[in-house]
Amino acid sequence: MAKKTNPTNLPDPAKPEVPPTGKGAPTPTRKQQEAALMRPLVSGDRKQANKDARAKMSHARDRARVGMAAGEEKFLPERDKGAQRRFVRDWVDARFNVGEFMIPIMFVVIILTFLPDLTIQSVGILVLWIFFAAAVLDCIWLSMRVKAKIKERFKVETAQKGTAWYASMRALQLRVMRLPKPQVKRGQYPA
């Protein structure tokens, strides 16, 4: 008698399909599993491993730099962390500070000192000292104002230690050179 073949590979309706039992292979021993997971601690290709490590570190540094510039809390150094410091940064960045023009004024005075006329040199130095005194007075006023605003805003007895110095140092920097970068526009004081 000839055996019938099923050309479409469909299950034979006469034979009920029995699901396979078991998992089809023996359980690997502990030694086999450990051998499968073994890999060298140090890559065989040292040059490629070093290249990968440098690329990973470079990516992490770039991410940290961008995060710090954007003011992300986890990328900021300790001196810049906290709600009070963010408030101080926003307050300083929202106002025009006398001190931020110190570097351009100093540059102009240096140029003036190269001129042969002693009167122009003297006037340049005098203007620089007057500007410096104005910047110091502005920083003192800013420090007092920021401390008062922090007490009012955060309902605390005293502001965080070093707040006055932090505000003054930020106010003396050119706006484009400040880190973290200013997050507010001029005149946009924090509420």
C-alpha atoms as a PDB file:
ATOM      1  CA  MET A   1       0.000   0.000   0.000  1.00  0.00           C
ATOM      2  CA  ALA A   2       1.344   3.422  -0.958  1.00  0.00           C
ATOM      3  CA  LYS A   3       1.805   6.047   1.685  1.00  0.00           C
ATOM      4  CA  LYS A   4      -0.087   9.254   1.180  1.00  0.00           C
ATOM      5  CA  THR A   5       1.949  12.409   1.320  1.00  0.00           C
ATOM      6  CA  ASN A   6       0.627  15.756   2.313  1.00  0.00           C
ATOM      7  CA  PRO A   7       1.956  18.210  -0.307  1.00  0.00           C
ATOM      8  CA  THR A   8       0.945  21.326   1.578  1.00  0.00           C
ATOM      9  CA  ASN A   9       2.619  20.319   4.855  1.00  0.00           C
ATOM     10  CA  LEU A  10      -0.617  20.779   6.711  1.00  0.00           C
ATOM     11  CA  PRO A  11      -1.247  18.660   9.782  1.00  0.00           C
ATOM     12  CA  ASP A  12      -2.884  15.382   9.007  1.00  0.00           C
ATOM     13  CA  PRO A  13      -6.480  15.578  10.215  1.00  0.00           C
ATOM     14  CA  ALA A  14      -6.400  11.899  11.066  1.00  0.00           C
ATOM     15  CA  LYS A  15      -3.559  12.392  13.565  1.00  0.00           C
ATOM     16  CA  PRO A  16      -4.200  14.856  16.347  1.00  0.00           C
ATOM     17  CA  GLU A  17      -1.228  17.147  16.882  1.00  0.00           C
ATOM     18  CA  VAL A  18       0.513  16.481  20.196  1.00  0.00           C
ATOM     19  CA  PRO A  19       2.378  19.425  21.692  1.00  0.00           C
ATOM     20  CA  PRO A  20       6.039  18.646  22.288  1.00  0.00           C
ATOM     21  CA  THR A  21       6.938  17.986  25.887  1.00  0.00           C
ATOM     22  CA  GLY A  22      10.149  19.148  27.539  1.00  0.00           C
ATOM     23  CA  LYS A  23      12.425  21.893  26.324  1.00  0.00           C
ATOM     24  CA  GLY A  24      14.220  19.986  23.624  1.00  0.00           C
ATOM     25  CA  ALA A  25      17.703  20.161  25.163  1.00  0.00           C
ATOM     26  CA  PRO A  26      19.292  19.218  28.467  1.00  0.00           C
ATOM     27  CA  THR A  27      19.868  21.893  31.088  1.00  0.00           C
ATOM     28  CA  PRO A  28      23.421  23.219  30.804  1.00  0.00           C
ATOM     29  CA  THR A  29      25.636  22.549  33.775  1.00  0.00           C
ATOM     30  CA  ARG A  30      26.960  25.377  35.919  1.00  0.00           C
ATOM     31  CA  LYS A  31      30.385  24.946  34.340  1.00  0.00           C
ATOM     32  CA  GLN A  32      28.887  25.315  30.847  1.00  0.00           C
ATOM     33  CA  GLN A  33      26.909  28.430  31.837  1.00  0.00           C
ATOM     34  CA  GLU A  34      29.949  30.085  33.406  1.00  0.00           C
ATOM     35  CA  ALA A  35      32.063  29.257  30.356  1.00  0.00           C
ATOM     36  CA  ALA A  36      29.428  30.850  28.100  1.00  0.00           C
ATOM     37  CA  LEU A  37      29.488  34.050  30.184  1.00  0.00           C
ATOM     38  CA  MET A  38      33.288  34.261  30.350  1.00  0.00           C
ATOM     39  CA  ARG A  39      34.814  37.137  28.489  1.00  0.00           C
ATOM     40  CA  PRO A  40      38.132  38.853  28.977  1.00  0.00           C
ATOM     41  CA  LEU A  41      38.335  41.828  31.346  1.00  0.00           C
ATOM     42  CA  VAL A  42      40.626  43.584  28.917  1.00  0.00           C
ATOM     43  CA  SER A  43      39.775  43.588  25.243  1.00  0.00           C
ATOM     44  CA  GLY A  44      42.019  41.699  22.887  1.00  0.00           C
ATOM     45  CA  ASP A  45      42.232  44.781  20.683  1.00  0.00           C
ATOM     46  CA  ARG A  46      43.817  47.377  23.005  1.00  0.00           C
ATOM     47  CA  LYS A  47      43.861  50.132  20.382  1.00  0.00           C
ATOM     48  CA  GLN A  48      40.147  49.795  19.727  1.00  0.00           C
ATOM     49  CA  ALA A  49      39.405  49.593  23.463  1.00  0.00           C
ATOM     50  CA  ASN A  50      41.358  52.827  24.081  1.00  0.00           C
ATOM     51  CA  LYS A  51      39.634  54.514  21.173  1.00  0.00           C
ATOM     52  CA  ASP A  52      36.216  53.473  22.512  1.00  0.00           C
ATOM     53  CA  ALA A  53      37.094  54.673  26.030  1.00  0.00           C
ATOM     54  CA  ARG A  54      38.264  58.062  24.692  1.00  0.00           C
ATOM     55  CA  ALA A  55      35.086  58.425  22.627  1.00  0.00           C
ATOM     56  CA  LYS A  56      32.928  57.573  25.639  1.00  0.00           C
ATOM     57  CA  MET A  57      34.785  60.053  27.880  1.00  0.00           C
ATOM     58  CA  SER A  58      34.602  62.744  25.196  1.00  0.00           C
ATOM     59  CA  HIS A  59      30.857  62.228  24.863  1.00  0.00           C
ATOM     60  CA  ALA A  60      30.425  62.426  28.660  1.00  0.00           C
ATOM     61  CA  ARG A  61      32.498  65.633  28.843  1.00  0.00           C
ATOM     62  CA  ASP A  62      30.511  67.216  26.013  1.00  0.00           C
ATOM     63  CA  ARG A  63      27.241  66.269  27.691  1.00  0.00           C
ATOM     64  CA  ALA A  64      28.446  67.716  31.018  1.00  0.00           C
ATOM     65  CA  ARG A  65      29.593  70.938  29.322  1.00  0.00           C
ATOM     66  CA  VAL A  66      26.263  71.396  27.558  1.00  0.00           C
ATOM     67  CA  GLY A  67      24.384  70.502  30.743  1.00  0.00           C
ATOM     68  CA  MET A  68      26.338  73.002  32.800  1.00  0.00           C
ATOM     69  CA  ALA A  69      25.852  75.766  30.246  1.00  0.00           C
ATOM     70  CA  ALA A  70      22.118  75.048  30.265  1.00  0.00           C
ATOM     71  CA  GLY A  71      22.026  75.141  34.069  1.00  0.00           C
ATOM     72  CA  GLU A  72      21.024  71.501  34.610  1.00  0.00           C
ATOM     73  CA  GLU A  73      21.366  70.869  38.336  1.00  0.00           C
ATOM     74  CA  LYS A  74      23.206  67.549  38.119  1.00  0.00           C
ATOM     75  CA  PHE A  75      25.999  69.021  35.966  1.00  0.00           C
ATOM     76  CA  LEU A  76      26.580  72.135  38.078  1.00  0.00           C
ATOM     77  CA  PRO A  77      29.498  72.411  40.500  1.00  0.00           C
ATOM     78  CA  GLU A  78      28.643  72.670  44.214  1.00  0.00           C
ATOM     79  CA  ARG A  79      28.943  76.468  44.267  1.00  0.00           C
ATOM     80  CA  ASP A  80      26.143  76.780  41.666  1.00  0.00           C
ATOM     81  CA  LYS A  81      23.675  74.213  43.039  1.00  0.00           C
ATOM     82  CA  GLY A  82      20.457  75.004  44.819  1.00  0.00           C
ATOM     83  CA  ALA A  83      17.332  77.078  44.478  1.00  0.00           C
ATOM     84  CA  GLN A  84      18.868  80.162  46.084  1.00  0.00           C
ATOM     85  CA  ARG A  85      21.831  80.134  43.718  1.00  0.00           C
ATOM     86  CA  ARG A  86      19.510  79.777  40.722  1.00  0.00           C
ATOM     87  CA  PHE A  87      17.515  82.737  42.024  1.00  0.00           C
ATOM     88  CA  VAL A  88      20.716  84.804  42.410  1.00  0.00           C
ATOM     89  CA  ARG A  89      21.848  83.908  38.869  1.00  0.00           C
ATOM     90  CA  ASP A  90      18.487  84.897  37.419  1.00  0.00           C
ATOM     91  CA  TRP A  91      18.406  88.141  39.427  1.00  0.00           C
ATOM     92  CA  VAL A  92      21.919  89.156  38.337  1.00  0.00           C
ATOM     93  CA  ASP A  93      21.283  88.196  34.710  1.00  0.00           C
ATOM     94  CA  ALA A  94      18.044  90.199  34.590  1.00  0.00           C
ATOM     95  CA  ARG A  95      19.724  93.522  35.395  1.00  0.00           C
ATOM     96  CA  PHE A  96      22.349  95.736  33.816  1.00  0.00           C
ATOM     97  CA  ASN A  97      25.467  95.505  35.997  1.00  0.00           C
ATOM     98  CA  VAL A  98      28.158  98.180  36.014  1.00  0.00           C
ATOM     99  CA  GLY A  99      30.855  95.573  36.535  1.00  0.00           C
ATOM    100  CA  GLU A 100      30.133  93.623  33.370  1.00  0.00           C
ATOM    101  CA  PHE A 101      31.556  96.512  31.349  1.00  0.00           C
ATOM    102  CA  MET A 102      34.827  96.436  33.299  1.00  0.00           C
ATOM    103  CA  ILE A 103      36.761  94.353  30.755  1.00  0.00           C
ATOM    104  CA  PRO A 104      35.904  96.573  27.757  1.00  0.00           C
ATOM    105  CA  ILE A 105      36.743  99.706  29.760  1.00  0.00           C
ATOM    106  CA  MET A 106      40.061  98.206  30.860  1.00  0.00           C
ATOM    107  CA  PHE A 107      40.866  97.304  27.270  1.00  0.00           C
ATOM    108  CA  VAL A 108      40.236 100.915  26.170  1.00  0.00           C
ATOM    109  CA  VAL A 109      42.393 102.262  29.018  1.00  0.00           C
ATOM    110  CA  ILE A 110      45.253  99.932  28.045  1.00  0.00           C
ATOM    111  CA  ILE A 111      45.067 101.264  24.491  1.00  0.00           C
ATOM    112  CA  LEU A 112      45.070 104.849  25.840  1.00  0.00           C
ATOM    113  CA  THR A 113      48.220 104.200  27.882  1.00  0.00           C
ATOM    114  CA  PHE A 114      50.140 103.552  24.671  1.00  0.00           C
ATOM    115  CA  LEU A 115      49.409 107.049  23.399  1.00  0.00           C
ATOM    116  CA  PRO A 116      52.269 109.496  23.894  1.00  0.00           C
ATOM    117  CA  ASP A 117      50.075 112.223  25.423  1.00  0.00           C
ATOM    118  CA  LEU A 118      50.390 112.109  29.226  1.00  0.00           C
ATOM    119  CA  THR A 119      47.069 113.937  29.709  1.00  0.00           C
ATOM    120  CA  ILE A 120      45.112 111.266  27.806  1.00  0.00           C
ATOM    121  CA  GLN A 121      46.856 108.542  29.787  1.00  0.00           C
ATOM    122  CA  SER A 122      46.017 110.229  33.078  1.00  0.00           C
ATOM    123  CA  VAL A 123      42.383 110.747  32.110  1.00  0.00           C
ATOM    124  CA  GLY A 124      42.135 107.084  31.067  1.00  0.00           C
ATOM    125  CA  ILE A 125      43.507 105.886  34.401  1.00  0.00           C
ATOM    126  CA  LEU A 126      41.204 108.266  36.299  1.00  0.00           C
ATOM    127  CA  VAL A 127      38.168 107.015  34.342  1.00  0.00           C
ATOM    128  CA  LEU A 128      39.201 103.425  35.111  1.00  0.00           C
ATOM    129  CA  TRP A 129      39.402 104.141  38.875  1.00  0.00           C
ATOM    130  CA  ILE A 130      36.049 105.922  38.870  1.00  0.00           C
ATOM    131  CA  PHE A 131      34.502 103.040  36.956  1.00  0.00           C
ATOM    132  CA  PHE A 132      36.076 100.554  39.366  1.00  0.00           C
ATOM    133  CA  ALA A 133      34.605 102.430  42.363  1.00  0.00           C
ATOM    134  CA  ALA A 134      31.187 102.487  40.665  1.00  0.00           C
ATOM    135  CA  ALA A 135      31.398  98.719  40.051  1.00  0.00           C
ATOM    136  CA  VAL A 136      32.270  98.055  43.708  1.00  0.00           C
ATOM    137  CA  LEU A 137      29.356 100.219  44.906  1.00  0.00           C
ATOM    138  CA  ASP A 138      27.033  98.456  42.447  1.00  0.00           C
ATOM    139  CA  CYS A 139      28.175  95.059  43.780  1.00  0.00           C
ATOM    140  CA  ILE A 140      27.560  96.135  47.375  1.00  0.00           C
ATOM    141  CA  TRP A 141      24.067  97.388  46.513  1.00  0.00           C
ATOM    142  CA  LEU A 142      23.383  94.195  44.518  1.00  0.00           C
ATOM    143  CA  SER A 143      24.497  92.003  47.430  1.00  0.00           C
ATOM    144  CA  MET A 144      22.170  93.731  49.883  1.00  0.00           C
ATOM    145  CA  ARG A 145      19.269  93.633  47.423  1.00  0.00           C
ATOM    146  CA  VAL A 146      19.737  89.954  46.568  1.00  0.00           C
ATOM    147  CA  LYS A 147      19.961  88.945  50.247  1.00  0.00           C
ATOM    148  CA  ALA A 148      16.736  90.815  50.999  1.00  0.00           C
ATOM    149  CA  LYS A 149      14.978  89.211  48.025  1.00  0.00           C
ATOM    150  CA  ILE A 150      16.133  85.735  49.082  1.00  0.00           C
ATOM    151  CA  LYS A 151      14.794  86.255  52.604  1.00  0.00           C
ATOM    152  CA  GLU A 152      11.501  87.430  51.144  1.00  0.00           C
ATOM    153  CA  ARG A 153      11.209  84.704  48.510  1.00  0.00           C
ATOM    154  CA  PHE A 154      12.435  81.658  50.461  1.00  0.00           C
ATOM    155  CA  LYS A 155      11.114  82.728  53.875  1.00  0.00           C
ATOM    156  CA  VAL A 156      14.482  82.166  55.585  1.00  0.00           C
ATOM    157  CA  GLU A 157      16.339  84.080  58.299  1.00  0.00           C
ATOM    158  CA  THR A 158      19.590  84.379  56.345  1.00  0.00           C
ATOM    159  CA  ALA A 159      20.610  83.684  52.776  1.00  0.00           C
ATOM    160  CA  GLN A 160      22.875  80.785  51.903  1.00  0.00           C
ATOM    161  CA  LYS A 161      26.500  81.408  52.889  1.00  0.00           C
ATOM    162  CA  GLY A 162      28.487  83.149  50.153  1.00  0.00           C
ATOM    163  CA  THR A 163      25.462  84.522  48.317  1.00  0.00           C
ATOM    164  CA  ALA A 164      26.740  88.109  48.265  1.00  0.00           C
ATOM    165  CA  TRP A 165      30.105  87.064  46.863  1.00  0.00           C
ATOM    166  CA  TYR A 166      28.431  84.767  44.317  1.00  0.00           C
ATOM    167  CA  ALA A 167      26.173  87.585  43.077  1.00  0.00           C
ATOM    168  CA  SER A 168      29.074  90.059  42.907  1.00  0.00           C
ATOM    169  CA  MET A 169      31.376  87.744  40.972  1.00  0.00           C
ATOM    170  CA  ARG A 170      28.632  86.947  38.475  1.00  0.00           C
ATOM    171  CA  ALA A 171      27.841  90.660  38.082  1.00  0.00           C
ATOM    172  CA  LEU A 172      31.496  91.427  37.251  1.00  0.00           C
ATOM    173  CA  GLN A 173      31.568  88.972  34.333  1.00  0.00           C
ATOM    174  CA  LEU A 174      30.557  89.791  30.783  1.00  0.00           C
ATOM    175  CA  ARG A 175      27.090  88.387  30.186  1.00  0.00           C
ATOM    176  CA  VAL A 176      28.248  86.183  27.305  1.00  0.00           C
ATOM    177  CA  MET A 177      31.031  84.655  29.420  1.00  0.00           C
ATOM    178  CA  ARG A 178      28.899  83.612  32.408  1.00  0.00           C
ATOM    179  CA  LEU A 179      28.520  79.947  33.275  1.00  0.00           C
ATOM    180  CA  PRO A 180      25.886  78.641  33.595  1.00  0.00           C
ATOM    181  CA  LYS A 181      24.589  80.707  30.699  1.00  0.00           C
ATOM    182  CA  PRO A 182      21.912  83.287  31.527  1.00  0.00           C
ATOM    183  CA  GLN A 183      18.455  81.698  31.486  1.00  0.00           C
ATOM    184  CA  VAL A 184      16.511  84.973  31.597  1.00  0.00           C
ATOM    185  CA  LYS A 185      16.427  88.100  29.461  1.00  0.00           C
ATOM    186  CA  ARG A 186      17.278  91.566  30.731  1.00  0.00           C
ATOM    187  CA  GLY A 187      14.432  92.950  32.815  1.00  0.00           C
ATOM    188  CA  GLN A 188      12.917  89.493  33.359  1.00  0.00           C
ATOM    189  CA  TYR A 189      13.405  89.315  37.145  1.00  0.00           C
ATOM    190  CA  PRO A 190      12.410  86.079  38.924  1.00  0.00           C
ATOM    191  CA  ALA A 191       8.980  86.296  40.521  1.00  0.00           C
END
